[in-house]
């Protein structure tokens, strides 16, 4: 019977990350990273199961060549660290989960053997001694949490030398005892600086020569970072903003510079992109940019959160816009500015009431 490949990418530091950071954002970060690893599957590996912080892949009755296996490993490390770099550079959220996400690491274990299967609720899953061995190899004596481990069995199958060396891989020999039986493997510590990380859209940081057309301030009985979460988490938006039919956004993604969402108001779709600008030290900022709010050609709306005390802050809301048509300029001067100002007052009042209810809950 032809041998099969067992392949397990495992996010290192997951348990500590979840226990010491904000749970909701840490879950989003892990979910995004697992999605990234799934999309980096270049060898048509079949997903057997998502195991919390790990993915269990297999390829039945087929083992990729040495070249393809190493390319698959490199692809996943590259995708993983490219996403971490994007999270780091485009982060606007100050929470511990978002701040410490770049500290996460990746380890990959690859093994081979003859597979058995069991059926659970109509799903056929790999089962047997080789599956147990592959998972046990995740618990090893390697002095790193960022490596590729290939069992000795698999390395012989693909004729991979224990001394193989390249720009990415520098393999060495290792072994550990499991149930009084020694299992040999080769492993390579992966240096992220040697990977060709993918490019990503940079934060849309903007600068203005003129002051905002509208500025409003209001104090809130909540910490600045908590208020920022309520503003930037779109699932809360309908609680404090009137007239929204619905919001369309990626529910599994943390809002960051470059994030997009669609606000549907009275059947009209307003497309927003997260933006940022410089702010005084100690303050937090979240901004939205759109080219679709009639009668404006462009609009930037910035929320600036400045701590007053441990449980209070000031929210300053700034509105900048551009209007090209003389008729639109006249309309904004006569009516539009008043309408926008009234809408902002209502939104801030709604947000204040929402915060009070949250504090009383």
Protein backbone atom coordinates (compact mmCIF):
# COMPACT_ATOMS: atom_id res chain seq x y z
CA UNK A 1 0.00 0.00 0.00
CA UNK A 2 1.43 3.45 -0.93
CA UNK A 3 2.35 5.65 1.99
CA UNK A 4 0.47 8.83 2.90
CA UNK A 5 1.67 12.24 4.08
CA UNK A 6 0.67 13.70 7.46
CA UNK A 7 1.23 17.44 7.75
CA UNK A 8 0.52 19.62 10.82
CA UNK A 9 1.14 23.39 10.96
CA UNK A 10 0.82 24.50 14.59
CA UNK A 11 0.76 28.10 15.82
CA UNK A 12 3.27 28.44 18.67
CA UNK A 13 2.42 30.54 21.69
CA UNK A 14 -1.33 30.13 21.20
CA UNK A 15 -2.18 29.08 24.77
CA UNK A 16 -0.28 31.94 26.38
CA UNK A 17 -1.63 34.35 23.77
CA UNK A 18 -5.26 33.44 24.52
CA UNK A 19 -4.82 33.46 28.29
CA UNK A 20 -3.04 36.80 28.55
CA UNK A 21 -4.82 38.92 25.92
CA UNK A 22 -8.30 40.12 25.03
CA UNK A 23 -10.19 36.96 24.09
CA UNK A 24 -12.29 38.24 21.18
CA UNK A 25 -9.40 39.88 19.32
CA UNK A 26 -7.04 36.98 20.01
CA UNK A 27 -9.61 34.60 18.54
CA UNK A 28 -9.87 36.80 15.45
CA UNK A 29 -6.08 36.85 15.07
CA UNK A 30 -5.82 33.05 15.30
CA UNK A 31 -8.76 32.63 12.91
CA UNK A 32 -7.09 34.90 10.36
CA UNK A 33 -3.78 33.04 10.65
CA UNK A 34 -5.44 29.64 10.22
CA UNK A 35 -7.19 30.98 7.13
CA UNK A 36 -3.84 32.20 5.80
CA UNK A 37 -2.32 28.74 6.31
CA UNK A 38 -5.27 27.10 4.58
CA UNK A 39 -4.84 29.38 1.59
CA UNK A 40 -1.12 28.55 1.46
CA UNK A 41 -1.88 24.88 0.73
CA UNK A 42 -0.06 24.44 -2.59
CA UNK A 43 0.03 20.62 -2.64
CA UNK A 44 -3.71 19.86 -2.55
CA UNK A 45 -3.45 18.54 0.98
CA UNK A 46 -6.75 17.44 2.47
CA UNK A 47 -7.82 19.05 5.75
CA UNK A 48 -8.71 16.37 8.28
CA UNK A 49 -9.43 18.72 11.19
CA UNK A 50 -8.88 22.14 12.72
CA UNK A 51 -7.36 21.47 16.14
CA UNK A 52 -7.62 24.78 17.99
CA UNK A 53 -4.32 26.39 17.03
CA UNK A 54 -3.32 23.76 14.46
CA UNK A 55 -4.40 22.31 11.13
CA UNK A 56 -4.18 18.59 10.50
CA UNK A 57 -3.63 17.90 6.78
CA UNK A 58 -2.97 14.65 4.98
CA UNK A 59 -2.41 13.40 1.44
CA UNK A 60 -3.66 9.86 1.04
CA UNK A 61 -1.49 7.31 -0.77
CA UNK A 62 0.76 10.05 -2.07
CA UNK A 63 3.88 11.79 -0.79
CA UNK A 64 5.11 14.96 -2.53
CA UNK A 65 8.65 15.04 -3.82
CA UNK A 66 11.42 16.50 -1.68
CA UNK A 67 11.27 19.72 -3.71
CA UNK A 68 7.48 20.06 -3.43
CA UNK A 69 7.38 19.28 0.28
CA UNK A 70 10.02 21.88 1.10
CA UNK A 71 8.22 24.38 -1.14
CA UNK A 72 4.97 23.67 0.73
CA UNK A 73 6.65 24.27 4.08
CA UNK A 74 8.26 27.49 2.85
CA UNK A 75 4.93 28.67 1.42
CA UNK A 76 3.19 28.34 4.76
CA UNK A 77 5.96 30.05 6.72
CA UNK A 78 6.03 32.88 4.19
CA UNK A 79 2.26 33.37 4.29
CA UNK A 80 2.20 33.21 8.09
CA UNK A 81 4.94 35.79 8.65
CA UNK A 82 3.69 38.03 5.86
CA UNK A 83 0.34 38.24 7.63
CA UNK A 84 1.97 38.93 11.01
CA UNK A 85 3.97 41.76 9.44
CA UNK A 86 0.78 43.22 7.97
CA UNK A 87 -0.95 43.00 11.36
CA UNK A 88 1.98 44.81 12.95
CA UNK A 89 2.23 47.62 10.38
CA UNK A 90 -1.50 48.24 9.89
CA UNK A 91 -2.56 47.92 13.52
CA UNK A 92 -4.74 50.65 15.01
CA UNK A 93 -6.09 48.70 17.99
CA UNK A 94 -4.08 49.22 21.21
CA UNK A 95 -5.22 45.99 22.92
CA UNK A 96 -2.71 43.35 24.05
CA UNK A 97 -3.97 40.80 21.55
CA UNK A 98 -3.24 43.04 18.57
CA UNK A 99 -0.01 44.36 20.08
CA UNK A 100 1.46 40.92 20.84
CA UNK A 101 0.22 39.05 17.75
CA UNK A 102 3.60 39.56 15.96
CA UNK A 103 5.20 37.45 18.71
CA UNK A 104 3.36 34.32 17.56
CA UNK A 105 5.43 31.66 15.81
CA UNK A 106 4.86 28.60 13.63
CA UNK A 107 6.04 25.02 13.73
CA UNK A 108 5.31 22.39 11.10
CA UNK A 109 5.53 18.64 11.61
CA UNK A 110 5.52 16.27 8.60
CA UNK A 111 5.37 12.48 8.83
CA UNK A 112 4.54 9.54 6.58
CA UNK A 113 3.03 6.09 6.92
CA UNK A 114 0.17 3.79 6.08
CA UNK A 115 -3.15 5.33 7.05
CA UNK A 116 -6.28 3.82 8.46
CA UNK A 117 -9.56 5.70 8.63
CA UNK A 118 -12.58 5.96 10.87
CA UNK A 119 -15.93 7.51 10.05
CA UNK A 120 -17.43 10.01 12.49
CA UNK A 121 -20.87 11.43 11.68
CA UNK A 122 -20.32 10.74 8.01
CA UNK A 123 -16.82 12.25 7.96
CA UNK A 124 -13.91 10.01 7.05
CA UNK A 125 -10.82 10.83 9.12
CA UNK A 126 -7.25 9.45 9.30
CA UNK A 127 -6.68 7.16 12.23
CA UNK A 128 -3.94 4.91 13.52
CA UNK A 129 -0.39 4.71 14.82
CA UNK A 130 1.12 7.17 12.30
CA UNK A 131 -1.48 9.81 13.20
CA UNK A 132 -0.59 9.43 16.88
CA UNK A 133 3.12 9.65 16.09
CA UNK A 134 2.70 12.82 14.03
CA UNK A 135 0.90 14.56 16.89
CA UNK A 136 3.40 13.34 19.47
CA UNK A 137 6.22 14.83 17.42
CA UNK A 138 4.74 18.25 18.20
CA UNK A 139 5.96 17.66 21.78
CA UNK A 140 9.70 17.47 21.29
CA UNK A 141 12.98 18.73 22.72
CA UNK A 142 13.73 21.27 19.98
CA UNK A 143 14.87 24.51 21.62
CA UNK A 144 12.64 26.72 19.47
CA UNK A 145 9.00 27.33 18.64
CA UNK A 146 9.70 28.19 15.03
CA UNK A 147 10.79 25.20 13.00
CA UNK A 148 10.02 22.56 10.41
CA UNK A 149 10.28 18.96 11.62
CA UNK A 150 10.33 16.03 9.22
CA UNK A 151 10.25 12.53 10.64
CA UNK A 152 13.15 10.24 9.80
CA UNK A 153 10.65 7.94 8.07
CA UNK A 154 9.48 10.71 5.74
CA UNK A 155 12.99 12.04 5.10
CA UNK A 156 14.01 8.57 3.89
CA UNK A 157 10.89 8.35 1.71
CA UNK A 158 11.79 11.58 -0.10
CA UNK A 159 15.57 11.04 0.15
CA UNK A 160 16.12 14.24 2.14
CA UNK A 161 19.58 14.37 3.70
CA UNK A 162 19.79 15.13 7.44
CA UNK A 163 22.44 17.69 6.43
CA UNK A 164 20.41 19.41 3.71
CA UNK A 165 21.07 23.15 3.68
CA UNK A 166 19.66 26.09 1.71
CA UNK A 167 18.85 29.73 2.32
CA UNK A 168 15.68 28.75 4.23
CA UNK A 169 16.51 25.31 5.60
CA UNK A 170 19.48 24.09 7.64
CA UNK A 171 18.51 20.62 8.82
CA UNK A 172 20.02 18.75 11.73
CA UNK A 173 19.30 15.45 13.43
CA UNK A 174 17.09 15.01 16.50
CA UNK A 175 15.19 12.33 18.38
CA UNK A 176 12.84 11.93 21.34
CA UNK A 177 11.43 8.99 23.28
CA UNK A 178 7.69 8.38 23.19
CA UNK A 179 6.26 5.44 25.16
CA UNK A 180 9.78 4.07 25.63
CA UNK A 181 10.38 4.14 21.87
CA UNK A 182 12.84 6.48 20.20
CA UNK A 183 11.53 8.39 17.17
CA UNK A 184 14.12 10.08 15.00
CA UNK A 185 13.57 13.21 12.93
CA UNK A 186 15.39 16.01 11.21
CA UNK A 187 14.51 19.63 11.84
CA UNK A 188 15.36 23.14 10.74
CA UNK A 189 14.91 26.34 12.69
CA UNK A 190 13.25 28.88 10.37
CA UNK A 191 14.57 32.44 10.31
CA UNK A 192 11.70 34.76 9.21
CA UNK A 193 14.23 37.32 7.96
CA UNK A 194 15.28 34.84 5.25
CA UNK A 195 11.74 34.55 3.87
CA UNK A 196 10.52 36.62 0.93
CA UNK A 197 7.56 38.19 2.69
CA UNK A 198 4.65 39.35 0.57
CA UNK A 199 3.83 42.99 0.11
CA UNK A 200 0.63 44.45 1.51
CA UNK A 201 -1.29 47.71 1.33
CA UNK A 202 0.26 50.32 3.58
CA UNK A 203 -1.83 52.39 6.01
CA UNK A 204 -3.69 55.28 4.42
CA UNK A 205 -2.11 58.05 6.50
CA UNK A 206 -3.31 61.47 5.43
CA UNK A 207 -2.31 65.07 6.09
CA UNK A 208 -4.42 68.21 5.92
CA UNK A 209 -3.34 71.79 5.30
CA UNK A 210 -6.61 73.24 6.61
CA UNK A 211 -8.50 72.59 9.86
CA UNK A 212 -11.54 70.28 9.83
CA UNK A 213 -14.87 71.69 8.67
CA UNK A 214 -16.54 70.25 11.78
CA UNK A 215 -15.04 69.46 15.20
CA UNK A 216 -16.99 68.14 18.20
CA UNK A 217 -15.88 66.92 21.62
CA UNK A 218 -17.59 64.90 24.31
CA UNK A 219 -16.44 63.22 27.51
CA UNK A 220 -17.26 59.56 28.09
CA UNK A 221 -17.27 57.53 31.33
CA UNK A 222 -15.10 54.77 29.94
CA UNK A 223 -11.42 54.16 29.23
CA UNK A 224 -10.13 55.44 25.89
CA UNK A 225 -9.17 51.98 24.58
CA UNK A 226 -12.60 50.56 25.51
CA UNK A 227 -14.43 53.39 23.74
CA UNK A 228 -12.23 52.84 20.71
CA UNK A 229 -13.27 49.19 20.61
CA UNK A 230 -16.95 50.16 20.62
CA UNK A 231 -16.37 52.60 17.76
CA UNK A 232 -14.12 50.39 15.61
CA UNK A 233 -16.05 47.14 16.14
CA UNK A 234 -18.73 47.45 13.48
CA UNK A 235 -21.01 44.96 15.24
CA UNK A 236 -21.81 47.74 17.74
CA UNK A 237 -22.41 50.48 15.18
CA UNK A 238 -26.17 50.05 14.84
CA UNK A 239 -26.59 50.49 18.62
CA UNK A 240 -25.54 54.12 18.48
CA UNK A 241 -25.93 55.35 14.89
CA UNK A 242 -29.37 56.11 13.49
CA UNK A 243 -30.58 55.35 9.99
CA UNK A 244 -28.34 52.37 9.21
CA UNK A 245 -30.10 49.59 7.32
CA UNK A 246 -27.11 47.27 7.65
CA UNK A 247 -23.32 47.11 7.70
CA UNK A 248 -21.35 44.81 5.43
CA UNK A 249 -17.87 43.87 6.69
CA UNK A 250 -15.62 40.92 7.44
CA UNK A 251 -16.81 39.72 10.84
CA UNK A 252 -13.69 37.58 11.35
CA UNK A 253 -11.23 40.42 10.81
CA UNK A 254 -10.00 42.98 13.31
CA UNK A 255 -10.43 46.53 12.05
CA UNK A 256 -7.06 47.84 10.88
CA UNK A 257 -5.69 50.49 8.54
CA UNK A 258 -7.00 49.59 5.10
CA UNK A 259 -10.04 47.65 6.36
CA UNK A 260 -13.20 48.22 4.34
CA UNK A 261 -16.86 48.23 5.23
CA UNK A 262 -20.11 49.22 3.51
CA UNK A 263 -22.77 51.18 5.32
CA UNK A 264 -26.23 50.84 3.78
CA UNK A 265 -28.42 53.88 4.58
CA UNK A 266 -31.89 54.17 3.04
CA UNK A 267 -30.85 51.66 0.39
CA UNK A 268 -27.70 53.60 -0.56
CA UNK A 269 -24.32 51.88 -0.27
CA UNK A 270 -21.59 54.03 1.28
CA UNK A 271 -18.12 52.49 0.93
CA UNK A 272 -15.64 53.27 3.72
CA UNK A 273 -11.93 52.53 4.11
CA UNK A 274 -10.11 52.84 7.43
CA UNK A 275 -7.61 55.70 7.45
CA UNK A 276 -5.31 57.34 9.96
CA UNK A 277 -3.34 60.52 10.59
CA UNK A 278 -0.86 61.75 13.13
CA UNK A 279 -2.21 62.45 16.59
CA UNK A 280 -0.68 63.86 19.75
CA UNK A 281 1.19 61.38 21.99
CA UNK A 282 -1.09 59.51 24.39
CA UNK A 283 -4.17 59.72 22.17
CA UNK A 284 -5.66 56.97 20.00
CA UNK A 285 -7.18 57.54 16.58
CA UNK A 286 -9.55 55.82 14.17
CA UNK A 287 -10.55 57.28 10.81
CA UNK A 288 -12.86 56.48 7.91
CA UNK A 289 -12.59 57.68 4.32
CA UNK A 290 -15.29 57.58 1.66
CA UNK A 291 -15.96 59.00 -1.79
CA UNK A 292 -19.62 58.07 -1.77
CA UNK A 293 -21.53 60.36 0.62
CA UNK A 294 -23.74 62.74 -1.40
CA UNK A 295 -23.26 65.63 -1.99
CA UNK A 296 -19.54 65.38 -1.11
CA UNK A 297 -16.76 64.16 -3.36
CA UNK A 298 -14.53 62.98 -0.49
CA UNK A 299 -14.97 62.78 3.26
CA UNK A 300 -12.68 61.88 6.15
CA UNK A 301 -14.09 61.29 9.61
CA UNK A 302 -11.67 60.87 12.52
CA UNK A 303 -12.37 59.74 16.07
CA UNK A 304 -9.63 60.84 18.49
CA UNK A 305 -9.66 59.22 21.94
CA UNK A 306 -7.74 61.03 24.69
CA UNK A 307 -7.57 59.53 28.21
CA UNK A 308 -8.72 61.74 31.08
CA UNK A 309 -8.46 59.13 33.80
CA UNK A 310 -8.38 55.36 34.08
CA UNK A 311 -12.11 55.15 33.42
CA UNK A 312 -12.87 58.27 31.40
CA UNK A 313 -11.80 59.89 28.15
CA UNK A 314 -12.56 62.66 25.71
CA UNK A 315 -13.73 61.82 22.23
CA UNK A 316 -12.99 64.42 19.58
CA UNK A 317 -14.68 63.92 16.22
CA UNK A 318 -13.25 65.71 13.18
CA UNK A 319 -14.87 65.92 9.75
CA UNK A 320 -12.97 66.93 6.60
CA UNK A 321 -14.51 67.04 3.14
CA UNK A 322 -13.86 68.06 -0.43
CA UNK A 323 -16.46 69.48 -2.81
CA UNK A 324 -15.62 70.42 -6.41
CA UNK A 325 -18.92 71.64 -7.84
CA UNK A 326 -19.84 75.29 -7.07
CA UNK A 327 -23.47 74.23 -6.62
CA UNK A 328 -22.47 71.56 -4.08
CA UNK A 329 -20.27 74.07 -2.27
CA UNK A 330 -23.22 76.45 -1.98
CA UNK A 331 -25.47 73.66 -0.75
CA UNK A 332 -22.95 72.64 1.92
CA UNK A 333 -22.58 76.25 3.06
CA UNK A 334 -26.34 76.80 3.32
CA UNK A 335 -27.64 73.43 4.48
CA UNK A 336 -25.16 70.56 4.34
CA UNK A 337 -22.88 71.55 7.20
CA UNK A 338 -25.87 71.89 9.56
CA UNK A 339 -27.15 68.45 8.54
CA UNK A 340 -23.77 66.80 9.09
CA UNK A 341 -23.34 68.58 12.40
CA UNK A 342 -26.78 67.42 13.57
CA UNK A 343 -26.01 63.83 12.53
CA UNK A 344 -22.73 63.89 14.48
CA UNK A 345 -24.48 65.28 17.58
CA UNK A 346 -27.04 62.47 17.37
CA UNK A 347 -24.31 59.85 16.90
CA UNK A 348 -22.32 61.08 19.90
CA UNK A 349 -25.46 61.16 22.03
CA UNK A 350 -26.33 57.65 20.89
CA UNK A 351 -22.82 56.47 21.68
CA UNK A 352 -22.99 58.06 25.14
CA UNK A 353 -26.31 56.32 25.89
CA UNK A 354 -24.89 53.03 24.63
CA UNK A 355 -21.87 53.39 26.95
CA UNK A 356 -24.09 54.19 29.93
CA UNK A 357 -26.14 51.04 29.31
CA UNK A 358 -22.94 49.01 29.03
CA UNK A 359 -21.68 50.45 32.33
CA UNK A 360 -24.99 49.69 34.06
CA UNK A 361 -25.16 46.12 32.75
